[in-house]
Amino acid sequence: MNQTLRAADTASAHPFTVRPLGPVMGAEVVGLDLSKPLAPGVMRELEDLLARYKVLCFRDQDLSMDAQLAFTRLWGPPLEHTMASHVRSGDLNFVQVASNKGPDGKPNGKHPDDTAMRWHTDRSWRPDPAFATILYGVDVPSEGGDTLFCNTTAAYEALPVERMRVIHSVEYSRRSAPGGPPATEYEKRIGPPTPHPLARTHPITGRKAIYAGCHAWMIEGRSEEEGRKIIDELMAFSTQDRFVYRHKWKRHDLVMWDNRCTFHAATPYDTAKELRVMHRTVVQGGATA
C-alpha cells in the first residue's frame, strides 16, 4: 500500500510518497529533491522510515559529490575511505568513486572492488561500525550490477542465536578475500580485532538482528575452527532468498541502508561492455549492544 507523508513545517518541503519495494524490506521515496536542504520534520520522517524499512531508495536524484556529502552529514559524521586504492585528499576522501570507467570514458573491463561481492555489513571491523551507507548510481548497467540486501532482523527472528560475541577483523577480512588487497597499517590501527554481539540490538526498534558478515572472524571464547563453523552456518541461513531483497538499479537512484540490521553484497556485471559508476558515502555509528 502506498503511503503519502507530508512535511508541513517548511515552505521548501513538499509531500512525498513511500512505496514498499517488496515483502522482505525496502521502500522507494518519490518526490524529494535531496540536492536541496531538508527540514528537521522531513528528517524525522526519514529516520523513522529507515528504521522501519532498513533500505530506502530515492529515485531521480541529480547530485554532485558535495550535495551527496551534505545529505550524508544530516545523518551523522561521514567516515573516511581507507582502502589504499580509494584514498583521496580532503573532503573527497569521504566520497568513494566505484567505477569501471577508463580514461577514454569507456568500460575498462575491471571491477572496482571484487571483494564487495561477499556478504558484509560496512565497517563492522571498527569499534564504532558504520550506521548507514549511501550509494548513488551515476551510471548503471542495463543488466547485472544489482545489490543484494539481507534482512538480518528477520533472520534472527527465524533462528534466534545464543548470547555470543563475534570478533571482527579487517586483517582477517582482507586476508580471506581471494585476490583482494591486504589491510593497510592505518586500517589495522583504527580497527584492531573488535568483539560485537552476534545478536545486535537495534537502538531505535529494540529488535535483535544477526550481526556478522565477511569481516566476522571468530567467536569469543571458542576455537577459531568452532567459531568459523558457527559463523558460516549462520551466514548460510541468513542469506537465504526468503530474507533477501535484490535492488535493480535505475540511473540516479540514491540508495541508503541501515548496517545495524542488514548485510549486503554486490553482484557481477559485464565490466567490459557496460559502465557502472557509483558514489558511496558512509555514516559513522556508535558502540554495539
Protein backbone atom coordinates (compact mmCIF):
# COMPACT_ATOMS: atom_id res chain seq x y z
CA MET A 1 0.00 0.00 0.00
CA ASN A 2 1.34 3.44 -0.92
CA GLN A 3 1.82 5.86 1.92
CA THR A 4 1.90 9.64 1.41
CA LEU A 5 3.88 11.56 4.01
CA ARG A 6 3.69 15.32 4.37
CA ALA A 7 6.33 17.64 5.78
CA ALA A 8 4.36 20.75 6.60
CA ASP A 9 6.82 22.61 8.82
CA THR A 10 8.86 24.10 5.99
CA ALA A 11 7.92 26.11 2.94
CA SER A 12 10.53 24.35 0.82
CA ALA A 13 9.28 20.87 1.68
CA HIS A 14 6.51 19.11 -0.21
CA PRO A 15 4.61 15.84 0.11
CA PHE A 16 6.49 12.72 -0.83
CA THR A 17 5.33 9.19 -1.47
CA VAL A 18 6.67 5.99 0.07
CA ARG A 19 6.17 2.70 -1.73
CA PRO A 20 7.35 -0.62 -0.27
CA LEU A 21 9.77 -2.40 -2.58
CA GLY A 22 8.78 -5.91 -1.62
CA PRO A 23 7.78 -8.22 1.23
CA VAL A 24 11.29 -8.59 2.68
CA MET A 25 12.21 -4.92 3.26
CA GLY A 26 12.93 -1.71 1.40
CA ALA A 27 10.91 1.27 0.24
CA GLU A 28 11.25 3.85 -2.51
CA VAL A 29 10.81 7.52 -1.66
CA VAL A 30 9.46 9.61 -4.52
CA GLY A 31 9.15 13.37 -4.62
CA LEU A 32 12.11 14.62 -2.57
CA ASP A 33 14.99 16.58 -4.09
CA LEU A 34 17.99 15.69 -1.95
CA SER A 35 20.13 18.39 -3.53
CA LYS A 36 18.14 20.93 -1.52
CA PRO A 37 18.06 21.40 2.28
CA LEU A 38 15.65 19.18 4.17
CA ALA A 39 13.70 20.42 7.17
CA PRO A 40 14.03 18.65 10.55
CA GLY A 41 10.46 17.37 10.16
CA VAL A 42 11.39 15.62 6.93
CA MET A 43 14.49 14.13 8.53
CA ARG A 44 12.42 12.75 11.41
CA GLU A 45 10.15 11.05 8.87
CA LEU A 46 13.15 9.62 7.02
CA GLU A 47 14.73 8.35 10.22
CA ASP A 48 11.51 6.52 11.07
CA LEU A 49 11.29 5.11 7.55
CA LEU A 50 14.88 3.84 7.61
CA ALA A 51 14.29 2.09 10.94
CA ARG A 52 11.12 0.52 9.55
CA TYR A 53 12.21 -0.45 6.02
CA LYS A 54 16.01 -0.79 6.52
CA VAL A 55 16.68 0.15 2.87
CA LEU A 56 15.46 3.39 1.26
CA CYS A 57 15.68 4.27 -2.43
CA PHE A 58 15.33 7.90 -3.51
CA ARG A 59 14.51 7.99 -7.21
CA ASP A 60 15.57 10.51 -9.87
CA GLN A 61 18.19 12.42 -7.90
CA ASP A 62 20.70 14.77 -9.54
CA LEU A 63 23.51 15.01 -7.02
CA SER A 64 27.00 16.40 -7.09
CA MET A 65 29.52 14.85 -4.70
CA ASP A 66 29.18 17.90 -2.47
CA ALA A 67 25.38 17.51 -2.38
CA GLN A 68 25.64 13.81 -1.52
CA LEU A 69 28.12 14.59 1.24
CA ALA A 70 25.81 17.31 2.61
CA PHE A 71 22.91 14.82 2.71
CA THR A 72 25.17 12.27 4.38
CA ARG A 73 26.10 14.74 7.12
CA LEU A 74 22.42 15.14 8.01
CA TRP A 75 22.60 11.57 9.32
CA GLY A 76 25.90 11.88 11.19
CA PRO A 77 29.65 12.29 10.71
CA PRO A 78 30.91 10.71 7.47
CA LEU A 79 33.64 8.09 7.61
CA GLU A 80 36.77 8.37 5.51
CA HIS A 81 37.54 5.67 2.94
CA THR A 82 40.56 3.61 3.92
CA MET A 83 41.28 1.08 1.15
CA ALA A 84 44.55 2.15 -0.43
CA SER A 85 43.06 2.31 -3.94
CA HIS A 86 40.24 4.63 -2.80
CA VAL A 87 42.04 7.12 -0.55
CA ARG A 88 41.87 10.74 -1.74
CA SER A 89 42.58 14.10 -0.13
CA GLY A 90 40.28 16.32 1.92
CA ASP A 91 36.51 16.01 1.66
CA LEU A 92 36.96 13.90 -1.48
CA ASN A 93 38.05 11.06 0.79
CA PHE A 94 34.53 10.92 2.22
CA VAL A 95 33.10 10.08 -1.24
CA GLN A 96 34.31 6.82 -2.74
CA VAL A 97 34.07 6.54 -6.52
CA ALA A 98 33.50 2.92 -7.52
CA SER A 99 33.82 2.89 -11.30
CA ASN A 100 34.88 0.81 -14.28
CA LYS A 101 35.18 3.90 -16.50
CA GLY A 102 38.54 4.18 -18.21
CA PRO A 103 40.40 7.38 -19.16
CA ASP A 104 38.64 7.29 -22.52
CA GLY A 105 35.22 7.27 -20.83
CA LYS A 106 34.54 3.68 -21.88
CA PRO A 107 34.28 0.50 -19.77
CA ASN A 108 37.74 -0.76 -18.84
CA GLY A 109 36.79 -4.39 -18.10
CA LYS A 110 37.81 -4.16 -14.43
CA HIS A 111 35.56 -4.43 -11.39
CA PRO A 112 36.49 -1.66 -8.92
CA ASP A 113 36.16 -3.95 -5.88
CA ASP A 114 35.59 -7.68 -6.32
CA THR A 115 35.63 -8.14 -2.55
CA ALA A 116 32.31 -6.25 -2.32
CA MET A 117 30.59 -9.33 -3.75
CA ARG A 118 30.86 -11.03 -0.35
CA TRP A 119 28.04 -10.58 2.18
CA HIS A 120 29.04 -7.93 4.68
CA THR A 121 27.96 -5.04 6.86
CA ASP A 122 30.09 -1.94 6.43
CA ARG A 123 32.97 -1.21 8.78
CA SER A 124 31.98 -3.85 11.31
CA TRP A 125 35.71 -4.21 11.95
CA ARG A 126 35.67 -0.83 13.74
CA PRO A 127 34.82 -0.31 17.44
CA ASP A 128 32.21 2.19 16.13
CA PRO A 129 30.90 0.45 13.00
CA ALA A 130 29.01 2.23 10.25
CA PHE A 131 25.42 3.21 10.92
CA ALA A 132 24.32 3.82 7.32
CA THR A 133 25.75 3.64 3.82
CA ILE A 134 24.59 5.86 0.96
CA LEU A 135 25.19 4.79 -2.66
CA TYR A 136 24.38 6.93 -5.69
CA GLY A 137 24.05 5.45 -9.18
CA VAL A 138 25.69 7.90 -11.58
CA ASP A 139 25.75 5.29 -14.37
CA VAL A 140 24.25 1.82 -14.06
CA PRO A 141 24.37 -1.19 -16.38
CA SER A 142 21.29 -2.43 -18.21
CA GLU A 143 21.91 -5.95 -16.86
CA GLY A 144 23.60 -7.11 -13.67
CA GLY A 145 25.31 -4.92 -11.13
CA ASP A 146 22.39 -5.37 -8.71
CA THR A 147 22.86 -5.01 -4.96
CA LEU A 148 21.54 -7.72 -2.64
CA PHE A 149 20.31 -6.85 0.84
CA CYS A 150 19.65 -9.34 3.63
CA ASN A 151 17.17 -8.59 6.42
CA THR A 152 19.12 -9.85 9.42
CA THR A 153 16.33 -8.96 11.84
CA ALA A 154 14.03 -11.40 10.06
CA ALA A 155 16.84 -13.96 10.01
CA TYR A 156 17.34 -13.64 13.77
CA GLU A 157 13.62 -13.94 14.47
CA ALA A 158 13.53 -17.13 12.39
CA LEU A 159 16.58 -18.54 14.18
CA PRO A 160 17.43 -16.81 17.49
CA VAL A 161 21.09 -17.23 18.38
CA GLU A 162 22.79 -17.63 21.72
CA ARG A 163 24.42 -14.75 23.53
CA MET A 164 27.83 -14.79 21.91
CA ARG A 165 30.31 -12.17 20.83
CA VAL A 166 31.98 -12.27 17.43
CA ILE A 167 35.42 -10.81 16.85
CA HIS A 168 35.51 -8.75 13.63
CA SER A 169 38.85 -8.10 11.97
CA VAL A 170 39.81 -6.08 8.90
CA GLU A 171 43.06 -8.03 8.68
CA TYR A 172 41.16 -11.35 8.57
CA SER A 173 38.60 -9.98 6.12
CA ARG A 174 41.20 -8.83 3.61
CA ARG A 175 43.32 -11.95 4.05
CA SER A 176 40.33 -14.22 3.40
CA ALA A 177 39.31 -12.40 0.18
CA PRO A 178 40.88 -14.11 -2.84
CA GLY A 179 42.92 -11.57 -4.78
CA GLY A 180 41.88 -8.70 -2.53
CA PRO A 181 44.25 -6.05 -1.18
CA PRO A 182 45.74 -6.59 2.29
CA ALA A 183 44.66 -4.38 5.17
CA THR A 184 46.75 -1.26 5.48
CA GLU A 185 48.64 -0.37 8.66
CA TYR A 186 46.22 2.52 9.17
CA GLU A 187 43.21 0.22 8.92
CA LYS A 188 44.72 -2.22 11.40
CA ARG A 189 45.46 0.64 13.78
CA ILE A 190 41.93 2.10 13.74
CA GLY A 191 40.28 -1.33 13.52
CA PRO A 192 42.05 -3.85 15.77
CA PRO A 193 40.20 -7.16 16.27
CA THR A 194 36.94 -6.00 17.85
CA PRO A 195 34.15 -8.03 19.52
CA HIS A 196 30.49 -7.26 18.76
CA PRO A 197 27.33 -9.11 19.84
CA LEU A 198 26.27 -11.83 17.42
CA ALA A 199 22.69 -10.74 18.14
CA ARG A 200 22.83 -6.95 17.92
CA THR A 201 20.02 -4.85 19.42
CA HIS A 202 18.80 -2.02 17.20
CA PRO A 203 18.91 1.24 19.20
CA ILE A 204 15.60 2.53 17.75
CA THR A 205 13.40 -0.53 17.25
CA GLY A 206 14.81 -2.62 20.10
CA ARG A 207 14.71 -5.68 17.84
CA LYS A 208 17.69 -8.00 17.56
CA ALA A 209 19.49 -8.80 14.31
CA ILE A 210 22.25 -11.21 13.39
CA TYR A 211 25.47 -9.20 13.14
CA ALA A 212 28.24 -10.97 11.25
CA GLY A 213 29.32 -10.82 7.58
CA CYS A 214 32.67 -11.36 5.91
CA HIS A 215 34.51 -9.19 8.46
CA ALA A 216 33.46 -11.60 11.24
CA TRP A 217 36.49 -13.70 12.13
CA MET A 218 35.85 -15.90 15.18
CA ILE A 219 33.64 -16.35 18.24
CA GLU A 220 34.97 -15.01 21.52
CA GLY A 221 35.86 -17.89 23.88
CA ARG A 222 35.70 -20.58 21.16
CA SER A 223 38.40 -22.09 18.99
CA GLU A 224 38.77 -20.45 15.58
CA GLU A 225 37.59 -23.67 13.90
CA GLU A 226 34.46 -23.93 16.06
CA GLY A 227 33.73 -20.22 15.70
CA ARG A 228 34.08 -20.28 11.94
CA LYS A 229 31.67 -23.20 11.71
CA ILE A 230 29.03 -21.27 13.67
CA ILE A 231 29.54 -18.07 11.65
CA ASP A 232 29.47 -19.87 8.30
CA GLU A 233 26.29 -21.77 9.18
CA LEU A 234 24.57 -18.57 10.34
CA MET A 235 25.61 -16.71 7.20
CA ALA A 236 24.22 -19.51 5.02
CA PHE A 237 20.94 -19.41 6.94
CA SER A 238 20.64 -15.61 6.98
CA THR A 239 21.24 -15.14 3.26
CA GLN A 240 18.50 -17.47 2.04
CA ASP A 241 16.30 -15.94 -0.64
CA ARG A 242 13.42 -15.53 1.82
CA PHE A 243 15.44 -12.89 3.69
CA VAL A 244 16.88 -11.09 0.64
CA TYR A 245 15.79 -8.04 -1.35
CA ARG A 246 17.51 -7.52 -4.73
CA HIS A 247 17.83 -3.91 -5.81
CA LYS A 248 17.87 -3.45 -9.58
CA TRP A 249 19.41 -0.06 -10.11
CA LYS A 250 17.99 2.78 -12.16
CA ARG A 251 20.19 5.68 -13.16
CA HIS A 252 20.24 8.37 -10.45
CA ASP A 253 18.88 6.13 -7.72
CA LEU A 254 20.27 7.05 -4.32
CA VAL A 255 20.03 4.05 -2.00
CA MET A 256 20.79 4.10 1.70
CA TRP A 257 20.67 1.25 4.16
CA ASP A 258 20.97 0.56 7.86
CA ASN A 259 24.09 -1.51 8.51
CA ARG A 260 22.91 -2.40 12.00
CA CYS A 261 20.29 -4.85 10.70
CA THR A 262 21.33 -5.76 7.15
CA PHE A 263 24.02 -7.49 5.15
CA HIS A 264 24.64 -6.51 1.53
CA ALA A 265 26.58 -7.81 -1.45
CA ALA A 266 27.32 -6.62 -4.97
CA THR A 267 26.56 -8.81 -8.00
CA PRO A 268 28.56 -9.17 -11.24
CA TYR A 269 28.00 -7.27 -14.48
CA ASP A 270 29.78 -7.07 -17.84
CA THR A 271 32.59 -4.68 -16.91
CA ALA A 272 33.94 -4.65 -20.48
CA LYS A 273 30.67 -3.58 -22.11
CA GLU A 274 28.67 -1.57 -19.56
CA LEU A 275 29.52 1.35 -17.30
CA ARG A 276 28.77 1.26 -13.60
CA VAL A 277 29.78 4.41 -11.76
CA MET A 278 28.72 4.72 -8.12
CA HIS A 279 29.42 7.36 -5.46
CA ARG A 280 29.47 5.96 -1.92
CA THR A 281 29.40 7.68 1.45
CA VAL A 282 29.28 6.07 4.91
CA VAL A 283 27.87 7.43 8.17
CA GLN A 284 29.67 6.72 11.42
CA GLY A 285 27.83 4.74 14.05
CA GLY A 286 28.42 4.01 17.71
CA ALA A 287 29.17 1.14 20.03
CA THR A 288 27.15 -2.06 19.56
CA ALA A 289 24.79 -3.58 22.11
